[in-house]
C-alpha atoms as a PDB file:
ATOM      1  CA  UNK A   1      27.370  68.721  19.921  1.00  0.00           C
ATOM      2  CA  UNK A   2      24.587  68.554  17.016  1.00  0.00           C
ATOM      3  CA  UNK A   3      27.047  68.065  14.201  1.00  0.00           C
ATOM      4  CA  UNK A   4      28.855  64.857  16.545  1.00  0.00           C
ATOM      5  CA  UNK A   5      25.162  63.215  17.139  1.00  0.00           C
ATOM      6  CA  UNK A   6      24.364  63.685  13.223  1.00  0.00           C
ATOM      7  CA  UNK A   7      27.933  62.005  12.652  1.00  0.00           C
ATOM      8  CA  UNK A   8      27.323  59.031  15.058  1.00  0.00           C
ATOM      9  CA  UNK A   9      23.916  58.298  13.375  1.00  0.00           C
ATOM     10  CA  UNK A  10      25.056  58.724   9.762  1.00  0.00           C
ATOM     11  CA  UNK A  11      28.147  56.109  10.830  1.00  0.00           C
ATOM     12  CA  UNK A  12      25.743  53.725  12.586  1.00  0.00           C
ATOM     13  CA  UNK A  13      23.124  53.906   9.860  1.00  0.00           C
ATOM     14  CA  UNK A  14      26.331  53.213   7.324  1.00  0.00           C
ATOM     15  CA  UNK A  15      27.752  50.523   9.744  1.00  0.00           C
ATOM     16  CA  UNK A  16      24.000  48.760   9.501  1.00  0.00           C
ATOM     17  CA  UNK A  17      23.819  48.977   5.809  1.00  0.00           C
ATOM     18  CA  UNK A  18      27.167  47.141   5.371  1.00  0.00           C
ATOM     19  CA  UNK A  19      26.429  44.416   7.691  1.00  0.00           C
ATOM     20  CA  UNK A  20      22.906  43.807   6.057  1.00  0.00           C
ATOM     21  CA  UNK A  21      24.228  43.856   2.718  1.00  0.00           C
ATOM     22  CA  UNK A  22      27.051  41.320   3.580  1.00  0.00           C
ATOM     23  CA  UNK A  23      24.299  38.929   5.237  1.00  0.00           C
ATOM     24  CA  UNK A  24      22.387  39.070   2.306  1.00  0.00           C
ATOM     25  CA  UNK A  25      25.225  38.645  -0.048  1.00  0.00           C
ATOM     26  CA  UNK A  26      25.830  35.664   1.908  1.00  0.00           C
ATOM     27  CA  UNK A  27      22.666  34.389   1.721  1.00  0.00           C
ATOM     28  CA  UNK A  28      22.022  34.655  -1.879  1.00  0.00           C
ATOM     29  CA  UNK A  29      25.504  32.930  -2.762  1.00  0.00           C
ATOM     30  CA  UNK A  30      23.940  30.214  -0.974  1.00  0.00           C
ATOM     31  CA  UNK A  31      20.659  30.022  -2.558  1.00  0.00           C
ATOM     32  CA  UNK A  32      22.511  30.382  -5.637  1.00  0.00           C
ATOM     33  CA  UNK A  33      24.779  27.512  -5.368  1.00  0.00           C
ATOM     34  CA  UNK A  34      21.984  25.415  -4.044  1.00  0.00           C
ATOM     35  CA  UNK A  35      19.781  26.152  -6.757  1.00  0.00           C
ATOM     36  CA  UNK A  36      21.169  23.419  -9.129  1.00  0.00           C
ATOM     37  CA  UNK A  37      20.583  20.793  -6.552  1.00  0.00           C
ATOM     38  CA  UNK A  38      17.568  18.407  -6.680  1.00  0.00           C
ATOM     39  CA  UNK A  39      14.732  19.319  -4.206  1.00  0.00           C
ATOM     40  CA  UNK A  40      15.867  16.478  -2.061  1.00  0.00           C
ATOM     41  CA  UNK A  41      19.305  17.976  -1.409  1.00  0.00           C
ATOM     42  CA  UNK A  42      20.194  20.047   1.454  1.00  0.00           C
ATOM     43  CA  UNK A  43      16.453  19.697   2.849  1.00  0.00           C
ATOM     44  CA  UNK A  44      15.544  18.958   6.671  1.00  0.00           C
ATOM     45  CA  UNK A  45      12.497  18.147   7.750  1.00  0.00           C
ATOM     46  CA  UNK A  46      12.696  19.352  11.328  1.00  0.00           C
ATOM     47  CA  UNK A  47      11.927  17.084  14.111  1.00  0.00           C
ATOM     48  CA  UNK A  48       8.505  18.876  15.139  1.00  0.00           C
ATOM     49  CA  UNK A  49       7.634  18.483  11.737  1.00  0.00           C
ATOM     50  CA  UNK A  50       6.213  21.773  11.333  1.00  0.00           C
ATOM     51  CA  UNK A  51       9.078  23.324   9.515  1.00  0.00           C
ATOM     52  CA  UNK A  52      11.005  22.231   6.210  1.00  0.00           C
ATOM     53  CA  UNK A  53      14.804  24.189   6.604  1.00  0.00           C
ATOM     54  CA  UNK A  54      17.118  24.397   3.312  1.00  0.00           C
ATOM     55  CA  UNK A  55      20.526  26.319   3.932  1.00  0.00           C
ATOM     56  CA  UNK A  56      19.564  29.944   4.820  1.00  0.00           C
ATOM     57  CA  UNK A  57      15.702  29.530   4.660  1.00  0.00           C
ATOM     58  CA  UNK A  58      12.935  27.717   6.577  1.00  0.00           C
ATOM     59  CA  UNK A  59       9.805  27.079   5.356  1.00  0.00           C
ATOM     60  CA  UNK A  60       6.665  27.239   8.052  1.00  0.00           C
ATOM     61  CA  UNK A  61       4.778  24.338   6.773  1.00  0.00           C
ATOM     62  CA  UNK A  62       1.586  25.138   8.957  1.00  0.00           C
ATOM     63  CA  UNK A  63       1.452  29.054   8.031  1.00  0.00           C
ATOM     64  CA  UNK A  64       2.671  28.902   4.336  1.00  0.00           C
ATOM     65  CA  UNK A  65       5.661  31.345   5.533  1.00  0.00           C
ATOM     66  CA  UNK A  66       9.762  31.602   4.669  1.00  0.00           C
ATOM     67  CA  UNK A  67      11.896  32.658   7.355  1.00  0.00           C
ATOM     68  CA  UNK A  68      15.073  33.840   7.148  1.00  0.00           C
ATOM     69  CA  UNK A  69      16.901  30.898   9.222  1.00  0.00           C
ATOM     70  CA  UNK A  70      19.569  33.585  11.355  1.00  0.00           C
ATOM     71  CA  UNK A  71      18.736  36.742  12.936  1.00  0.00           C
ATOM     72  CA  UNK A  72      19.524  40.181  11.031  1.00  0.00           C
ATOM     73  CA  UNK A  73      23.396  40.572  11.425  1.00  0.00           C
ATOM     74  CA  UNK A  74      24.307  36.818  11.512  1.00  0.00           C
ATOM     75  CA  UNK A  75      25.074  34.883   8.177  1.00  0.00           C
ATOM     76  CA  UNK A  76      24.319  31.490   7.394  1.00  0.00           C
ATOM     77  CA  UNK A  77      27.596  29.376   7.133  1.00  0.00           C
ATOM     78  CA  UNK A  78      26.752  25.740   5.720  1.00  0.00           C
ATOM     79  CA  UNK A  79      25.245  24.512   9.325  1.00  0.00           C
ATOM     80  CA  UNK A  80      25.154  27.801  11.668  1.00  0.00           C
ATOM     81  CA  UNK A  81      24.365  31.046  11.957  1.00  0.00           C
ATOM     82  CA  UNK A  82      27.607  33.165  12.572  1.00  0.00           C
ATOM     83  CA  UNK A  83      28.276  36.318  13.820  1.00  0.00           C
ATOM     84  CA  UNK A  84      26.293  38.787  16.063  1.00  0.00           C
ATOM     85  CA  UNK A  85      22.780  39.509  15.670  1.00  0.00           C
ATOM     86  CA  UNK A  86      22.101  43.187  15.664  1.00  0.00           C
ATOM     87  CA  UNK A  87      19.618  44.866  17.773  1.00  0.00           C
ATOM     88  CA  UNK A  88      17.428  47.213  15.656  1.00  0.00           C
ATOM     89  CA  UNK A  89      14.950  49.919  16.481  1.00  0.00           C
ATOM     90  CA  UNK A  90      11.877  49.886  13.938  1.00  0.00           C
ATOM     91  CA  UNK A  91      13.234  52.349  11.726  1.00  0.00           C
ATOM     92  CA  UNK A  92      16.524  50.421  11.391  1.00  0.00           C
ATOM     93  CA  UNK A  93      14.558  47.254  10.721  1.00  0.00           C
ATOM     94  CA  UNK A  94      13.005  48.969   8.119  1.00  0.00           C
ATOM     95  CA  UNK A  95      16.140  49.824   6.784  1.00  0.00           C
ATOM     96  CA  UNK A  96      17.334  46.370   7.039  1.00  0.00           C
ATOM     97  CA  UNK A  97      14.047  44.953   4.858  1.00  0.00           C
ATOM     98  CA  UNK A  98      14.270  47.312   2.251  1.00  0.00           C
ATOM     99  CA  UNK A  99      18.145  45.971   1.879  1.00  0.00           C
ATOM    100  CA  UNK A 100      16.889  42.297   1.889  1.00  0.00           C
ATOM    101  CA  UNK A 101      14.167  43.303  -0.467  1.00  0.00           C
ATOM    102  CA  UNK A 102      16.709  44.682  -3.307  1.00  0.00           C
ATOM    103  CA  UNK A 103      18.847  41.740  -2.654  1.00  0.00           C
ATOM    104  CA  UNK A 104      16.820  38.469  -1.849  1.00  0.00           C
ATOM    105  CA  UNK A 105      13.724  39.620  -3.874  1.00  0.00           C
ATOM    106  CA  UNK A 106      10.626  41.215  -2.537  1.00  0.00           C
ATOM    107  CA  UNK A 107       8.330  40.449   0.454  1.00  0.00           C
ATOM    108  CA  UNK A 108      10.407  40.208   3.431  1.00  0.00           C
ATOM    109  CA  UNK A 109       9.097  41.913   6.220  1.00  0.00           C
ATOM    110  CA  UNK A 110       8.599  41.787  10.078  1.00  0.00           C
ATOM    111  CA  UNK A 111       6.557  39.084  11.393  1.00  0.00           C
ATOM    112  CA  UNK A 112       3.201  39.423  12.865  1.00  0.00           C
ATOM    113  CA  UNK A 113       2.760  38.530  16.594  1.00  0.00           C
ATOM    114  CA  UNK A 114       1.001  35.249  15.707  1.00  0.00           C
ATOM    115  CA  UNK A 115       3.558  34.484  12.944  1.00  0.00           C
ATOM    116  CA  UNK A 116       6.786  34.822  15.829  1.00  0.00           C
ATOM    117  CA  UNK A 117       4.564  33.361  18.628  1.00  0.00           C
ATOM    118  CA  UNK A 118       4.707  30.359  15.889  1.00  0.00           C
ATOM    119  CA  UNK A 119       8.131  29.555  16.582  1.00  0.00           C
ATOM    120  CA  UNK A 120       7.771  29.172  20.329  1.00  0.00           C
ATOM    121  CA  UNK A 121       8.939  25.723  21.176  1.00  0.00           C
ATOM    122  CA  UNK A 122       7.487  25.189  25.014  1.00  0.00           C
ATOM    123  CA  UNK A 123       9.418  22.087  25.025  1.00  0.00           C
ATOM    124  CA  UNK A 124      12.646  23.388  24.480  1.00  0.00           C
ATOM    125  CA  UNK A 125      14.686  25.300  26.750  1.00  0.00           C
ATOM    126  CA  UNK A 126      16.355  27.484  27.838  1.00  0.00           C
ATOM    127  CA  UNK A 127      15.919  29.175  24.656  1.00  0.00           C
ATOM    128  CA  UNK A 128      12.440  28.576  23.386  1.00  0.00           C
ATOM    129  CA  UNK A 129      12.824  27.946  19.659  1.00  0.00           C
ATOM    130  CA  UNK A 130      14.013  24.831  17.525  1.00  0.00           C
ATOM    131  CA  UNK A 131      17.895  25.741  17.809  1.00  0.00           C
ATOM    132  CA  UNK A 132      18.683  22.783  15.056  1.00  0.00           C
ATOM    133  CA  UNK A 133      16.313  24.794  12.907  1.00  0.00           C
ATOM    134  CA  UNK A 134      17.250  28.599  14.121  1.00  0.00           C
ATOM    135  CA  UNK A 135      20.760  28.147  15.303  1.00  0.00           C
ATOM    136  CA  UNK A 136      22.412  30.643  17.594  1.00  0.00           C
ATOM    137  CA  UNK A 137      19.046  32.358  18.271  1.00  0.00           C
ATOM    138  CA  UNK A 138      19.580  34.353  21.208  1.00  0.00           C
ATOM    139  CA  UNK A 139      17.090  34.085  24.419  1.00  0.00           C
ATOM    140  CA  UNK A 140      15.811  37.494  24.063  1.00  0.00           C
ATOM    141  CA  UNK A 141      12.932  39.748  22.362  1.00  0.00           C
ATOM    142  CA  UNK A 142      12.455  40.101  18.454  1.00  0.00           C
ATOM    143  CA  UNK A 143      10.490  42.332  17.063  1.00  0.00           C
ATOM    144  CA  UNK A 144       6.947  41.881  15.111  1.00  0.00           C
ATOM    145  CA  UNK A 145       5.376  44.527  13.027  1.00  0.00           C
ATOM    146  CA  UNK A 146       2.321  44.997  15.030  1.00  0.00           C
ATOM    147  CA  UNK A 147       1.416  47.724  17.178  1.00  0.00           C
ATOM    148  CA  UNK A 148      -0.388  46.797  20.465  1.00  0.00           C
ATOM    149  CA  UNK A 149      -3.736  48.039  20.021  1.00  0.00           C
ATOM    150  CA  UNK A 150      -4.081  48.621  23.852  1.00  0.00           C
ATOM    151  CA  UNK A 151      -1.408  51.038  23.946  1.00  0.00           C
ATOM    152  CA  UNK A 152      -0.439  52.148  20.284  1.00  0.00           C
ATOM    153  CA  UNK A 153       2.956  53.825  21.281  1.00  0.00           C
ATOM    154  CA  UNK A 154       4.163  50.249  21.957  1.00  0.00           C
ATOM    155  CA  UNK A 155       5.146  47.352  19.463  1.00  0.00           C
ATOM    156  CA  UNK A 156       4.498  43.933  20.201  1.00  0.00           C
ATOM    157  CA  UNK A 157       7.481  41.373  20.659  1.00  0.00           C
ATOM    158  CA  UNK A 158       8.393  37.991  21.323  1.00  0.00           C
ATOM    159  CA  UNK A 159      10.713  36.730  23.792  1.00  0.00           C
ATOM    160  CA  UNK A 160      12.551  33.625  22.901  1.00  0.00           C
ATOM    161  CA  UNK A 161      14.017  32.924  26.848  1.00  0.00           C
ATOM    162  CA  UNK A 162      10.762  32.984  28.309  1.00  0.00           C
ATOM    163  CA  UNK A 163       8.072  32.341  25.254  1.00  0.00           C
ATOM    164  CA  UNK A 164       6.331  35.066  26.241  1.00  0.00           C
ATOM    165  CA  UNK A 165       4.842  38.124  24.190  1.00  0.00           C
ATOM    166  CA  UNK A 166       4.868  41.524  25.245  1.00  0.00           C
ATOM    167  CA  UNK A 167       3.439  45.032  23.889  1.00  0.00           C
ATOM    168  CA  UNK A 168       5.884  47.295  25.840  1.00  0.00           C
ATOM    169  CA  UNK A 169       8.642  48.180  23.700  1.00  0.00           C
ATOM    170  CA  UNK A 170       8.730  51.539  21.808  1.00  0.00           C
ATOM    171  CA  UNK A 171       9.366  51.807  18.355  1.00  0.00           C
ATOM    172  CA  UNK A 172      13.037  53.981  19.039  1.00  0.00           C
ATOM    173  CA  UNK A 173      14.162  50.840  21.422  1.00  0.00           C
ATOM    174  CA  UNK A 174      16.563  48.248  20.102  1.00  0.00           C
ATOM    175  CA  UNK A 175      15.876  44.686  20.014  1.00  0.00           C
ATOM    176  CA  UNK A 176      16.268  41.634  17.571  1.00  0.00           C
ATOM    177  CA  UNK A 177      15.026  40.953  14.354  1.00  0.00           C
ATOM    178  CA  UNK A 178      14.260  37.853  12.417  1.00  0.00           C
ATOM    179  CA  UNK A 179      12.777  38.399   8.756  1.00  0.00           C
ATOM    180  CA  UNK A 180       9.899  36.464   7.320  1.00  0.00           C
ATOM    181  CA  UNK A 181       8.005  36.533   3.827  1.00  0.00           C
ATOM    182  CA  UNK A 182       4.920  34.924   2.473  1.00  0.00           C
ATOM    183  CA  UNK A 183       5.112  31.771   0.089  1.00  0.00           C
END
């Protein structure tokens, strides 16, 4: 029985690594193919004026951070996020971050609660995020990297269905992930 659990965990970790590597390679290919373009090519200023999107990356002009346009598990494909977003525990998210940092350069991390709340679009419905900027975002909770100081066994999350923040998830629970880095 223990062997089966170990084997199952090993297979899951391998599967996660393969999916993240596929996403990272695809995103790197898009970044490389667009690097020879002038700065005006493929750049979209989003209607709110808060974001500037270019290929698989979105720059938050107010908070000076750069977001992955797709959730972890999805791949940017010219104008859309394709594939299924992965629900990860905090440990699995840390492994995904490590792979992203190896493949896309340093600095990728889970967002702070404030950074992730900054993506909430109160006027958007039913998913509370600008879907033109972050297509195929699920209306579900996404991890932050912040421990709830009121209940230190819990981690903060932001739910893009409701637009609310919750500090009730345990680190071993699996929810969605969007990566960010400082500019």
